[in-house]
Amino acid sequence: MFGKILGAFIGSKAAQQTRNIGGPAGAAIGVASTILLRRMSLPAMAAVAVGGYAFKKFAEKKNAGNTPSNVEIKVDPAPIPNTV
């Protein structure tokens, strides 16, 4: 019981850090993850952790080219004439 409550709390806090998942959905994911972790073997847990880390690195590498720091801004040095 305590594990489910702790999982729901951690899941809701983690969901607040993401845009697509709300607090109640994160709590449900936290409870479901505690249930799944109890039934998984140690090698399966390690495989999930390595897979999650690899996916995170892949997503960061994919989004690296989309950062605003890589955008080049060109400024026209000629002033705009005042036509009032």
PDB file of N, CA and C in Angstrom:
ATOM      1  N   MET A   1       0.824  -1.188   0.000  1.00  0.00           N
ATOM      2  CA  MET A   1       0.000   0.000   0.000  1.00  0.00           C
ATOM      3  C   MET A   1       0.871   1.256   0.000  1.00  0.00           C
ATOM      4  N   PHE A   2       1.901   1.239   0.847  1.00  0.00           N
ATOM      5  CA  PHE A   2       2.787   2.398   0.912  1.00  0.00           C
ATOM      6  C   PHE A   2       3.526   2.614  -0.412  1.00  0.00           C
ATOM      7  N   GLY A   3       3.891   1.506  -1.070  1.00  0.00           N
ATOM      8  CA  GLY A   3       4.592   1.598  -2.356  1.00  0.00           C
ATOM      9  C   GLY A   3       3.718   2.222  -3.427  1.00  0.00           C
ATOM     10  N   LYS A   4       2.427   1.901  -3.420  1.00  0.00           N
ATOM     11  CA  LYS A   4       1.514   2.479  -4.404  1.00  0.00           C
ATOM     12  C   LYS A   4       1.331   3.979  -4.172  1.00  0.00           C
ATOM     13  N   ILE A   5       1.225   4.369  -2.911  1.00  0.00           N
ATOM     14  CA  ILE A   5       1.080   5.794  -2.590  1.00  0.00           C
ATOM     15  C   ILE A   5       2.349   6.545  -2.981  1.00  0.00           C
ATOM     16  N   LEU A   6       3.495   5.986  -2.662  1.00  0.00           N
ATOM     17  CA  LEU A   6       4.765   6.620  -3.019  1.00  0.00           C
ATOM     18  C   LEU A   6       4.935   6.685  -4.531  1.00  0.00           C
ATOM     19  N   GLY A   7       4.550   5.617  -5.232  1.00  0.00           N
ATOM     20  CA  GLY A   7       4.619   5.607  -6.692  1.00  0.00           C
ATOM     21  C   GLY A   7       3.699   6.648  -7.305  1.00  0.00           C
ATOM     22  N   ALA A   8       2.489   6.810  -6.737  1.00  0.00           N
ATOM     23  CA  ALA A   8       1.549   7.815  -7.237  1.00  0.00           C
ATOM     24  C   ALA A   8       2.095   9.218  -7.011  1.00  0.00           C
ATOM     25  N   PHE A   9       2.712   9.454  -5.867  1.00  0.00           N
ATOM     26  CA  PHE A   9       3.280  10.774  -5.568  1.00  0.00           C
ATOM     27  C   PHE A   9       4.426  11.101  -6.522  1.00  0.00           C
ATOM     28  N   ILE A  10       5.333  10.161  -6.701  1.00  0.00           N
ATOM     29  CA  ILE A  10       6.468  10.384  -7.600  1.00  0.00           C
ATOM     30  C   ILE A  10       5.993  10.537  -9.033  1.00  0.00           C
ATOM     31  N   GLY A  11       5.009   9.740  -9.443  1.00  0.00           N
ATOM     32  CA  GLY A  11       4.467   9.841 -10.797  1.00  0.00           C
ATOM     33  C   GLY A  11       3.803  11.178 -11.058  1.00  0.00           C
ATOM     34  N   SER A  12       3.054  11.696 -10.075  1.00  0.00           N
ATOM     35  CA  SER A  12       2.405  12.997 -10.281  1.00  0.00           C
ATOM     36  C   SER A  12       3.435  14.124 -10.333  1.00  0.00           C
ATOM     37  N   LYS A  13       4.481  14.040  -9.531  1.00  0.00           N
ATOM     38  CA  LYS A  13       5.537  15.060  -9.576  1.00  0.00           C
ATOM     39  C   LYS A  13       6.306  14.998 -10.895  1.00  0.00           C
ATOM     40  N   ALA A  14       6.548  13.798 -11.396  1.00  0.00           N
ATOM     41  CA  ALA A  14       7.237  13.658 -12.675  1.00  0.00           C
ATOM     42  C   ALA A  14       6.357  14.158 -13.810  1.00  0.00           C
ATOM     43  N   ALA A  15       5.052  13.965 -13.695  1.00  0.00           N
ATOM     44  CA  ALA A  15       4.129  14.407 -14.747  1.00  0.00           C
ATOM     45  C   ALA A  15       4.066  15.931 -14.817  1.00  0.00           C
ATOM     46  N   GLN A  16       4.317  16.605 -13.734  1.00  0.00           N
ATOM     47  CA  GLN A  16       4.319  18.072 -13.743  1.00  0.00           C
ATOM     48  C   GLN A  16       5.485  18.623 -14.548  1.00  0.00           C
ATOM     49  N   GLN A  17       6.521  17.829 -14.735  1.00  0.00           N
ATOM     50  CA  GLN A  17       7.695  18.264 -15.487  1.00  0.00           C
ATOM     51  C   GLN A  17       7.529  18.076 -16.992  1.00  0.00           C
ATOM     52  N   THR A  18       6.474  17.373 -17.416  1.00  0.00           N
ATOM     53  CA  THR A  18       6.243  17.135 -18.831  1.00  0.00           C
ATOM     54  C   THR A  18       5.026  17.923 -19.292  1.00  0.00           C
ATOM     55  N   ARG A  19       4.963  18.191 -20.575  1.00  0.00           N
ATOM     56  CA  ARG A  19       3.855  18.970 -21.124  1.00  0.00           C
ATOM     57  C   ARG A  19       2.630  18.133 -21.423  1.00  0.00           C
ATOM     58  N   ASN A  20       2.807  16.875 -21.792  1.00  0.00           N
ATOM     59  CA  ASN A  20       1.712  16.071 -22.313  1.00  0.00           C
ATOM     60  C   ASN A  20       0.964  15.260 -21.267  1.00  0.00           C
ATOM     61  N   ILE A  21       1.480  15.156 -20.057  1.00  0.00           N
ATOM     62  CA  ILE A  21       0.867  14.322 -19.027  1.00  0.00           C
ATOM     63  C   ILE A  21       0.504  15.210 -17.843  1.00  0.00           C
ATOM     64  N   GLY A  22      -0.724  15.069 -17.357  1.00  0.00           N
ATOM     65  CA  GLY A  22      -1.167  15.831 -16.201  1.00  0.00           C
ATOM     66  C   GLY A  22      -0.858  15.103 -14.907  1.00  0.00           C
ATOM     67  N   GLY A  23      -1.195  15.720 -13.770  1.00  0.00           N
ATOM     68  CA  GLY A  23      -0.924  15.142 -12.461  1.00  0.00           C
ATOM     69  C   GLY A  23      -1.636  13.827 -12.203  1.00  0.00           C
ATOM     70  N   PRO A  24      -2.973  13.738 -12.438  1.00  0.00           N
ATOM     71  CA  PRO A  24      -3.660  12.465 -12.185  1.00  0.00           C
ATOM     72  C   PRO A  24      -3.169  11.332 -13.094  1.00  0.00           C
ATOM     73  N   ALA A  25      -2.876  11.649 -14.339  1.00  0.00           N
ATOM     74  CA  ALA A  25      -2.355  10.619 -15.243  1.00  0.00           C
ATOM     75  C   ALA A  25      -0.975  10.159 -14.776  1.00  0.00           C
ATOM     76  N   GLY A  26      -0.174  11.071 -14.289  1.00  0.00           N
ATOM     77  CA  GLY A  26       1.142  10.702 -13.770  1.00  0.00           C
ATOM     78  C   GLY A  26       1.029   9.834 -12.528  1.00  0.00           C
ATOM     79  N   ALA A  27       0.026  10.127 -11.697  1.00  0.00           N
ATOM     80  CA  ALA A  27      -0.193   9.298 -10.509  1.00  0.00           C
ATOM     81  C   ALA A  27      -0.582   7.882 -10.912  1.00  0.00           C
ATOM     82  N   ALA A  28      -1.438   7.761 -11.922  1.00  0.00           N
ATOM     83  CA  ALA A  28      -1.837   6.435 -12.397  1.00  0.00           C
ATOM     84  C   ALA A  28      -0.643   5.685 -12.985  1.00  0.00           C
ATOM     85  N   ILE A  29       0.198   6.387 -13.720  1.00  0.00           N
ATOM     86  CA  ILE A  29       1.397   5.762 -14.284  1.00  0.00           C
ATOM     87  C   ILE A  29       2.339   5.330 -13.161  1.00  0.00           C
ATOM     88  N   GLY A  30       2.455   6.143 -12.109  1.00  0.00           N
ATOM     89  CA  GLY A  30       3.294   5.784 -10.970  1.00  0.00           C
ATOM     90  C   GLY A  30       2.813   4.532 -10.265  1.00  0.00           C
ATOM     91  N   VAL A  31       1.491   4.403 -10.079  1.00  0.00           N
ATOM     92  CA  VAL A  31       0.945   3.208  -9.440  1.00  0.00           C
ATOM     93  C   VAL A  31       1.170   1.992 -10.334  1.00  0.00           C
ATOM     94  N   ALA A  32       0.913   2.147 -11.638  1.00  0.00           N
ATOM     95  CA  ALA A  32       1.100   1.028 -12.557  1.00  0.00           C
ATOM     96  C   ALA A  32       2.562   0.603 -12.614  1.00  0.00           C
ATOM     97  N   SER A  33       3.471   1.564 -12.536  1.00  0.00           N
ATOM     98  CA  SER A  33       4.890   1.202 -12.609  1.00  0.00           C
ATOM     99  C   SER A  33       5.340   0.421 -11.386  1.00  0.00           C
ATOM    100  N   THR A  34       4.792   0.738 -10.208  1.00  0.00           N
ATOM    101  CA  THR A  34       5.172  -0.037  -9.023  1.00  0.00           C
ATOM    102  C   THR A  34       4.667  -1.473  -9.122  1.00  0.00           C
ATOM    103  N   ILE A  35       3.473  -1.652  -9.697  1.00  0.00           N
ATOM    104  CA  ILE A  35       2.935  -2.997  -9.878  1.00  0.00           C
ATOM    105  C   ILE A  35       3.800  -3.774 -10.870  1.00  0.00           C
ATOM    106  N   LEU A  36       4.179  -3.128 -11.975  1.00  0.00           N
ATOM    107  CA  LEU A  36       5.005  -3.808 -12.975  1.00  0.00           C
ATOM    108  C   LEU A  36       6.402  -4.137 -12.447  1.00  0.00           C
ATOM    109  N   LEU A  37       6.980  -3.230 -11.671  1.00  0.00           N
ATOM    110  CA  LEU A  37       8.335  -3.464 -11.162  1.00  0.00           C
ATOM    111  C   LEU A  37       8.388  -4.651 -10.205  1.00  0.00           C
ATOM    112  N   ARG A  38       7.301  -4.889  -9.460  1.00  0.00           N
ATOM    113  CA  ARG A  38       7.290  -6.038  -8.562  1.00  0.00           C
ATOM    114  C   ARG A  38       7.322  -7.356  -9.325  1.00  0.00           C
ATOM    115  N   ARG A  39       6.755  -7.359 -10.533  1.00  0.00           N
ATOM    116  CA  ARG A  39       6.652  -8.600 -11.293  1.00  0.00           C
ATOM    117  C   ARG A  39       7.825  -8.815 -12.253  1.00  0.00           C
ATOM    118  N   MET A  40       8.695  -7.826 -12.390  1.00  0.00           N
ATOM    119  CA  MET A  40       9.816  -7.942 -13.323  1.00  0.00           C
ATOM    120  C   MET A  40      11.030  -8.554 -12.631  1.00  0.00           C
ATOM    121  N   SER A  41      11.835  -9.237 -13.413  1.00  0.00           N
ATOM    122  CA  SER A  41      13.084  -9.770 -12.882  1.00  0.00           C
ATOM    123  C   SER A  41      14.159  -8.683 -12.922  1.00  0.00           C
ATOM    124  N   LEU A  42      15.250  -8.931 -12.256  1.00  0.00           N
ATOM    125  CA  LEU A  42      16.336  -7.949 -12.211  1.00  0.00           C
ATOM    126  C   LEU A  42      16.936  -7.676 -13.593  1.00  0.00           C
ATOM    127  N   PRO A  43      17.185  -8.698 -14.428  1.00  0.00           N
ATOM    128  CA  PRO A  43      17.690  -8.407 -15.780  1.00  0.00           C
ATOM    129  C   PRO A  43      16.699  -7.600 -16.623  1.00  0.00           C
ATOM    130  N   ALA A  44      15.398  -7.846 -16.439  1.00  0.00           N
ATOM    131  CA  ALA A  44      14.397  -7.083 -17.186  1.00  0.00           C
ATOM    132  C   ALA A  44      14.393  -5.621 -16.738  1.00  0.00           C
ATOM    133  N   MET A  45      14.556  -5.376 -15.436  1.00  0.00           N
ATOM    134  CA  MET A  45      14.632  -4.001 -14.929  1.00  0.00           C
ATOM    135  C   MET A  45      15.851  -3.282 -15.504  1.00  0.00           C
ATOM    136  N   ALA A  46      16.974  -3.995 -15.556  1.00  0.00           N
ATOM    137  CA  ALA A  46      18.187  -3.402 -16.117  1.00  0.00           C
ATOM    138  C   ALA A  46      18.001  -3.094 -17.595  1.00  0.00           C
ATOM    139  N   ALA A  47      17.329  -3.983 -18.327  1.00  0.00           N
ATOM    140  CA  ALA A  47      17.089  -3.751 -19.752  1.00  0.00           C
ATOM    141  C   ALA A  47      16.185  -2.547 -19.972  1.00  0.00           C
ATOM    142  N   VAL A  48      15.164  -2.387 -19.134  1.00  0.00           N
ATOM    143  CA  VAL A  48      14.266  -1.227 -19.243  1.00  0.00           C
ATOM    144  C   VAL A  48      15.027   0.060 -18.943  1.00  0.00           C
ATOM    145  N   ALA A  49      15.891   0.030 -17.925  1.00  0.00           N
ATOM    146  CA  ALA A  49      16.666   1.223 -17.573  1.00  0.00           C
ATOM    147  C   ALA A  49      17.627   1.605 -18.697  1.00  0.00           C
ATOM    148  N   VAL A  50      18.316   0.639 -19.259  1.00  0.00           N
ATOM    149  CA  VAL A  50      19.251   0.922 -20.358  1.00  0.00           C
ATOM    150  C   VAL A  50      18.488   1.422 -21.585  1.00  0.00           C
ATOM    151  N   GLY A  51      17.347   0.815 -21.866  1.00  0.00           N
ATOM    152  CA  GLY A  51      16.539   1.248 -23.001  1.00  0.00           C
ATOM    153  C   GLY A  51      16.015   2.670 -22.818  1.00  0.00           C
ATOM    154  N   GLY A  52      15.592   3.006 -21.617  1.00  0.00           N
ATOM    155  CA  GLY A  52      15.131   4.370 -21.341  1.00  0.00           C
ATOM    156  C   GLY A  52      16.252   5.385 -21.487  1.00  0.00           C
ATOM    157  N   TYR A  53      17.434   5.033 -21.022  1.00  0.00           N
ATOM    158  CA  TYR A  53      18.582   5.934 -21.151  1.00  0.00           C
ATOM    159  C   TYR A  53      18.954   6.124 -22.625  1.00  0.00           C
ATOM    160  N   ALA A  54      18.931   5.031 -23.389  1.00  0.00           N
ATOM    161  CA  ALA A  54      19.261   5.125 -24.814  1.00  0.00           C
ATOM    162  C   ALA A  54      18.226   5.964 -25.555  1.00  0.00           C
ATOM    163  N   PHE A  55      16.957   5.806 -25.210  1.00  0.00           N
ATOM    164  CA  PHE A  55      15.908   6.601 -25.851  1.00  0.00           C
ATOM    165  C   PHE A  55      16.063   8.080 -25.511  1.00  0.00           C
ATOM    166  N   LYS A  56      16.422   8.382 -24.266  1.00  0.00           N
ATOM    167  CA  LYS A  56      16.636   9.774 -23.856  1.00  0.00           C
ATOM    168  C   LYS A  56      17.773  10.402 -24.650  1.00  0.00           C
ATOM    169  N   LYS A  57      18.880   9.682 -24.791  1.00  0.00           N
ATOM    170  CA  LYS A  57      20.010  10.199 -25.558  1.00  0.00           C
ATOM    171  C   LYS A  57      19.647  10.379 -27.027  1.00  0.00           C
ATOM    172  N   PHE A  58      18.876   9.437 -27.591  1.00  0.00           N
ATOM    173  CA  PHE A  58      18.434   9.543 -28.973  1.00  0.00           C
ATOM    174  C   PHE A  58      17.553  10.771 -29.167  1.00  0.00           C
ATOM    175  N   ALA A  59      16.631  11.001 -28.237  1.00  0.00           N
ATOM    176  CA  ALA A  59      15.727  12.148 -28.348  1.00  0.00           C
ATOM    177  C   ALA A  59      16.494  13.464 -28.213  1.00  0.00           C
ATOM    178  N   GLU A  60      17.468  13.512 -27.311  1.00  0.00           N
ATOM    179  CA  GLU A  60      18.276  14.724 -27.158  1.00  0.00           C
ATOM    180  C   GLU A  60      19.096  14.995 -28.416  1.00  0.00           C
ATOM    181  N   LYS A  61      19.645  13.951 -29.012  1.00  0.00           N
ATOM    182  CA  LYS A  61      20.442  14.115 -30.222  1.00  0.00           C
ATOM    183  C   LYS A  61      19.565  14.566 -31.386  1.00  0.00           C
ATOM    184  N   LYS A  62      18.349  14.026 -31.461  1.00  0.00           N
ATOM    185  CA  LYS A  62      17.425  14.383 -32.526  1.00  0.00           C
ATOM    186  C   LYS A  62      16.984  15.846 -32.404  1.00  0.00           C
ATOM    187  N   ASN A  63      16.778  16.322 -31.186  1.00  0.00           N
ATOM    188  CA  ASN A  63      16.323  17.692 -30.960  1.00  0.00           C
ATOM    189  C   ASN A  63      17.458  18.699 -30.870  1.00  0.00           C
ATOM    190  N   ALA A  64      18.699  18.258 -30.949  1.00  0.00           N
ATOM    191  CA  ALA A  64      19.836  19.167 -30.817  1.00  0.00           C
ATOM    192  C   ALA A  64      19.890  20.173 -31.957  1.00  0.00           C
ATOM    193  N   GLY A  65      19.482  19.801 -33.157  1.00  0.00           N
ATOM    194  CA  GLY A  65      19.515  20.706 -34.295  1.00  0.00           C
ATOM    195  C   GLY A  65      18.376  21.706 -34.302  1.00  0.00           C
ATOM    196  N   ASN A  66      17.394  21.534 -33.434  1.00  0.00           N
ATOM    197  CA  ASN A  66      16.226  22.408 -33.409  1.00  0.00           C
ATOM    198  C   ASN A  66      16.308  23.496 -32.346  1.00  0.00           C
ATOM    199  N   THR A  67      17.453  23.660 -31.721  1.00  0.00           N
ATOM    200  CA  THR A  67      17.567  24.653 -30.665  1.00  0.00           C
ATOM    201  C   THR A  67      17.714  26.044 -31.262  1.00  0.00           C
ATOM    202  N   PRO A  68      17.209  27.062 -30.577  1.00  0.00           N
ATOM    203  CA  PRO A  68      17.314  28.423 -31.089  1.00  0.00           C
ATOM    204  C   PRO A  68      18.744  28.930 -31.198  1.00  0.00           C
ATOM    205  N   SER A  69      19.695  28.337 -30.494  1.00  0.00           N
ATOM    206  CA  SER A  69      21.075  28.804 -30.569  1.00  0.00           C
ATOM    207  C   SER A  69      21.701  28.506 -31.928  1.00  0.00           C
ATOM    208  N   ASN A  70      21.129  27.576 -32.686  1.00  0.00           N
ATOM    209  CA  ASN A  70      21.667  27.238 -33.997  1.00  0.00           C
ATOM    210  C   ASN A  70      21.029  28.056 -35.115  1.00  0.00           C
ATOM    211  N   VAL A  71      20.084  28.912 -34.790  1.00  0.00           N
ATOM    212  CA  VAL A  71      19.380  29.700 -35.798  1.00  0.00           C
ATOM    213  C   VAL A  71      20.205  30.936 -36.115  1.00  0.00           C
ATOM    214  N   GLU A  72      20.421  31.177 -37.398  1.00  0.00           N
ATOM    215  CA  GLU A  72      21.190  32.341 -37.824  1.00  0.00           C
ATOM    216  C   GLU A  72      20.227  33.472 -38.162  1.00  0.00           C
ATOM    217  N   ILE A  73      20.463  34.641 -37.596  1.00  0.00           N
ATOM    218  CA  ILE A  73      19.610  35.804 -37.838  1.00  0.00           C
ATOM    219  C   ILE A  73      20.361  36.776 -38.726  1.00  0.00           C
ATOM    220  N   LYS A  74      19.735  37.135 -39.833  1.00  0.00           N
ATOM    221  CA  LYS A  74      20.353  38.094 -40.745  1.00  0.00           C
ATOM    222  C   LYS A  74      19.653  39.440 -40.587  1.00  0.00           C
ATOM    223  N   VAL A  75      20.454  40.495 -40.460  1.00  0.00           N
ATOM    224  CA  VAL A  75      19.923  41.843 -40.272  1.00  0.00           C
ATOM    225  C   VAL A  75      20.304  42.677 -41.485  1.00  0.00           C
ATOM    226  N   ASP A  76      19.317  43.387 -42.026  1.00  0.00           N
ATOM    227  CA  ASP A  76      19.555  44.262 -43.164  1.00  0.00           C
ATOM    228  C   ASP A  76      20.118  45.582 -42.640  1.00  0.00           C
ATOM    229  N   PRO A  77      21.346  45.981 -43.024  1.00  0.00           N
ATOM    230  CA  PRO A  77      21.934  47.187 -42.479  1.00  0.00           C
ATOM    231  C   PRO A  77      21.333  48.478 -43.035  1.00  0.00           C
ATOM    232  N   ALA A  78      20.614  48.393 -44.159  1.00  0.00           N
ATOM    233  CA  ALA A  78      20.044  49.609 -44.755  1.00  0.00           C
ATOM    234  C   ALA A  78      18.797  50.034 -43.962  1.00  0.00           C
ATOM    235  N   PRO A  79      18.704  51.321 -43.616  1.00  0.00           N
ATOM    236  CA  PRO A  79      17.519  51.774 -42.873  1.00  0.00           C
ATOM    237  C   PRO A  79      16.285  51.819 -43.772  1.00  0.00           C
ATOM    238  N   ILE A  80      15.146  51.658 -43.166  1.00  0.00           N
ATOM    239  CA  ILE A  80      13.890  51.723 -43.900  1.00  0.00           C
ATOM    240  C   ILE A  80      13.503  53.186 -44.067  1.00  0.00           C
ATOM    241  N   PRO A  81      13.210  53.627 -45.315  1.00  0.00           N
ATOM    242  CA  PRO A  81      12.876  55.046 -45.505  1.00  0.00           C
ATOM    243  C   PRO A  81      11.517  55.364 -44.887  1.00  0.00           C
ATOM    244  N   ASN A  82      11.431  56.589 -44.378  1.00  0.00           N
ATOM    245  CA  ASN A  82      10.195  57.049 -43.738  1.00  0.00           C
ATOM    246  C   ASN A  82       9.288  57.628 -44.823  1.00  0.00           C
ATOM    247  N   THR A  83       8.174  56.999 -45.122  1.00  0.00           N
ATOM    248  CA  THR A  83       7.275  57.461 -46.176  1.00  0.00           C
ATOM    249  C   THR A  83       5.933  57.864 -45.555  1.00  0.00           C
ATOM    250  N   VAL A  84       5.934  58.982 -44.858  1.00  0.00           N
ATOM    251  CA  VAL A  84       4.692  59.437 -44.212  1.00  0.00           C
ATOM    252  C   VAL A  84       4.000  60.468 -45.031  1.00  0.00           C
TER     253      VAL A  84
END
